[in-house]
Amino acid sequence: MDNSNLFLNSEAVAAILMVSKRTLQNYRSEGKLVYYQVSRKNILYRVEDVVEFLKQSSCCSFQKDRINALLEKYVVKL
């Protein structure tokens, strides 16, 4: 699957990473996760960047194993 043109919204990324929206905001502020601000309240994340973040994180291996299933559930094609 080509992830270069696939995007996720904040709710989907929070669910995939199993974190709150506030934690996701902290990741953005700290520069840990690349994002694209489409409008004031609309923030998108490239699937590629989320996958890379997961690979580099200390997240549990259970979550890393489920990444493909989670991405299929939450992916938004633009």
C-alpha atoms as a PDB file:
ATOM      1  CA  MET A   1       0.000   0.000   0.000  1.00  0.00           C
ATOM      2  CA  ASP A   2       1.373   3.433  -0.952  1.00  0.00           C
ATOM      3  CA  ASN A   3       1.103   5.628   2.141  1.00  0.00           C
ATOM      4  CA  SER A   4       2.369   8.845   0.570  1.00  0.00           C
ATOM      5  CA  ASN A   5      -1.107  10.238  -0.247  1.00  0.00           C
ATOM      6  CA  LEU A   6      -3.027   8.783   2.674  1.00  0.00           C
ATOM      7  CA  PHE A   7      -3.946  10.953   5.629  1.00  0.00           C
ATOM      8  CA  LEU A   8      -5.439  10.500   9.079  1.00  0.00           C
ATOM      9  CA  ASN A   9      -7.311  13.017  11.207  1.00  0.00           C
ATOM     10  CA  SER A  10      -6.488  13.697  14.866  1.00  0.00           C
ATOM     11  CA  GLU A  11      -9.176  11.380  16.202  1.00  0.00           C
ATOM     12  CA  ALA A  12      -7.845   8.459  14.164  1.00  0.00           C
ATOM     13  CA  VAL A  13      -4.225   9.074  15.131  1.00  0.00           C
ATOM     14  CA  ALA A  14      -5.167   9.364  18.807  1.00  0.00           C
ATOM     15  CA  ALA A  15      -7.026   6.042  18.564  1.00  0.00           C
ATOM     16  CA  ILE A  16      -4.149   4.322  16.754  1.00  0.00           C
ATOM     17  CA  LEU A  17      -1.578   5.574  19.255  1.00  0.00           C
ATOM     18  CA  MET A  18      -3.981   5.025  22.163  1.00  0.00           C
ATOM     19  CA  VAL A  19      -3.387   8.527  23.518  1.00  0.00           C
ATOM     20  CA  SER A  20      -5.611  11.481  24.305  1.00  0.00           C
ATOM     21  CA  LYS A  21      -6.034  14.454  21.971  1.00  0.00           C
ATOM     22  CA  ARG A  22      -4.044  16.519  24.488  1.00  0.00           C
ATOM     23  CA  THR A  23      -1.103  14.087  24.284  1.00  0.00           C
ATOM     24  CA  LEU A  24      -1.314  14.281  20.506  1.00  0.00           C
ATOM     25  CA  GLN A  25      -1.144  18.077  20.792  1.00  0.00           C
ATOM     26  CA  ASN A  26       1.966  17.706  22.964  1.00  0.00           C
ATOM     27  CA  TYR A  27       3.570  15.482  20.308  1.00  0.00           C
ATOM     28  CA  ARG A  28       2.913  18.217  17.718  1.00  0.00           C
ATOM     29  CA  SER A  29       4.259  20.982  19.970  1.00  0.00           C
ATOM     30  CA  GLU A  30       7.389  18.992  20.785  1.00  0.00           C
ATOM     31  CA  GLY A  31       7.988  18.202  17.100  1.00  0.00           C
ATOM     32  CA  LYS A  32       7.682  14.460  17.658  1.00  0.00           C
ATOM     33  CA  LEU A  33       4.968  13.954  15.055  1.00  0.00           C
ATOM     34  CA  VAL A  34       4.730  15.652  11.657  1.00  0.00           C
ATOM     35  CA  TYR A  35       1.336  17.185  10.879  1.00  0.00           C
ATOM     36  CA  TYR A  36      -0.400  19.384   8.319  1.00  0.00           C
ATOM     37  CA  GLN A  37      -2.751  22.094   9.493  1.00  0.00           C
ATOM     38  CA  VAL A  38      -5.430  22.412   6.827  1.00  0.00           C
ATOM     39  CA  SER A  39      -7.469  24.961   8.767  1.00  0.00           C
ATOM     40  CA  ARG A  40      -7.582  26.270  12.313  1.00  0.00           C
ATOM     41  CA  LYS A  41      -9.281  23.147  13.626  1.00  0.00           C
ATOM     42  CA  ASN A  42      -8.490  20.622  10.891  1.00  0.00           C
ATOM     43  CA  ILE A  43      -5.164  18.826  11.338  1.00  0.00           C
ATOM     44  CA  LEU A  44      -4.093  15.868   9.234  1.00  0.00           C
ATOM     45  CA  TYR A  45      -1.233  13.390   9.550  1.00  0.00           C
ATOM     46  CA  ARG A  46       0.350  11.387   6.749  1.00  0.00           C
ATOM     47  CA  VAL A  47       0.076   7.650   7.345  1.00  0.00           C
ATOM     48  CA  GLU A  48       3.777   7.331   6.529  1.00  0.00           C
ATOM     49  CA  ASP A  49       4.657   9.733   9.364  1.00  0.00           C
ATOM     50  CA  VAL A  50       2.418   7.952  11.877  1.00  0.00           C
ATOM     51  CA  VAL A  51       3.943   4.581  10.961  1.00  0.00           C
ATOM     52  CA  GLU A  52       7.446   6.006  11.358  1.00  0.00           C
ATOM     53  CA  PHE A  53       6.503   7.545  14.714  1.00  0.00           C
ATOM     54  CA  LEU A  54       5.189   4.169  15.896  1.00  0.00           C
ATOM     55  CA  LYS A  55       8.341   2.375  14.776  1.00  0.00           C
ATOM     56  CA  GLN A  56      10.536   4.810  16.692  1.00  0.00           C
ATOM     57  CA  SER A  57       8.376   5.000  19.805  1.00  0.00           C
ATOM     58  CA  SER A  58       8.604   2.939  22.945  1.00  0.00           C
ATOM     59  CA  CYS A  59       5.005   1.907  22.312  1.00  0.00           C
ATOM     60  CA  CYS A  60       4.076  -1.644  23.209  1.00  0.00           C
ATOM     61  CA  SER A  61       4.750  -4.320  20.595  1.00  0.00           C
ATOM     62  CA  PHE A  62       1.063  -5.327  20.615  1.00  0.00           C
ATOM     63  CA  GLN A  63       0.166  -1.946  19.124  1.00  0.00           C
ATOM     64  CA  LYS A  64       2.954  -2.126  16.542  1.00  0.00           C
ATOM     65  CA  ASP A  65       1.704  -5.537  15.411  1.00  0.00           C
ATOM     66  CA  ARG A  66      -1.801  -4.167  14.864  1.00  0.00           C
ATOM     67  CA  ILE A  67      -0.750  -1.149  12.811  1.00  0.00           C
ATOM     68  CA  ASN A  68      -1.933  -2.452   9.412  1.00  0.00           C
ATOM     69  CA  ALA A  69      -5.377  -3.335  10.733  1.00  0.00           C
ATOM     70  CA  LEU A  70      -5.680   0.034  12.440  1.00  0.00           C
ATOM     71  CA  LEU A  71      -4.574   1.919   9.344  1.00  0.00           C
ATOM     72  CA  GLU A  72      -7.130   0.138   7.168  1.00  0.00           C
ATOM     73  CA  LYS A  73      -9.806   1.160   9.633  1.00  0.00           C
ATOM     74  CA  TYR A  74      -8.876   4.832   9.868  1.00  0.00           C
ATOM     75  CA  VAL A  75      -7.273   5.804   6.527  1.00  0.00           C
ATOM     76  CA  VAL A  76      -8.758   8.720   4.595  1.00  0.00           C
ATOM     77  CA  LYS A  77      -7.720   8.964   0.935  1.00  0.00           C
ATOM     78  CA  LEU A  78      -7.422  12.449  -0.519  1.00  0.00           C
END
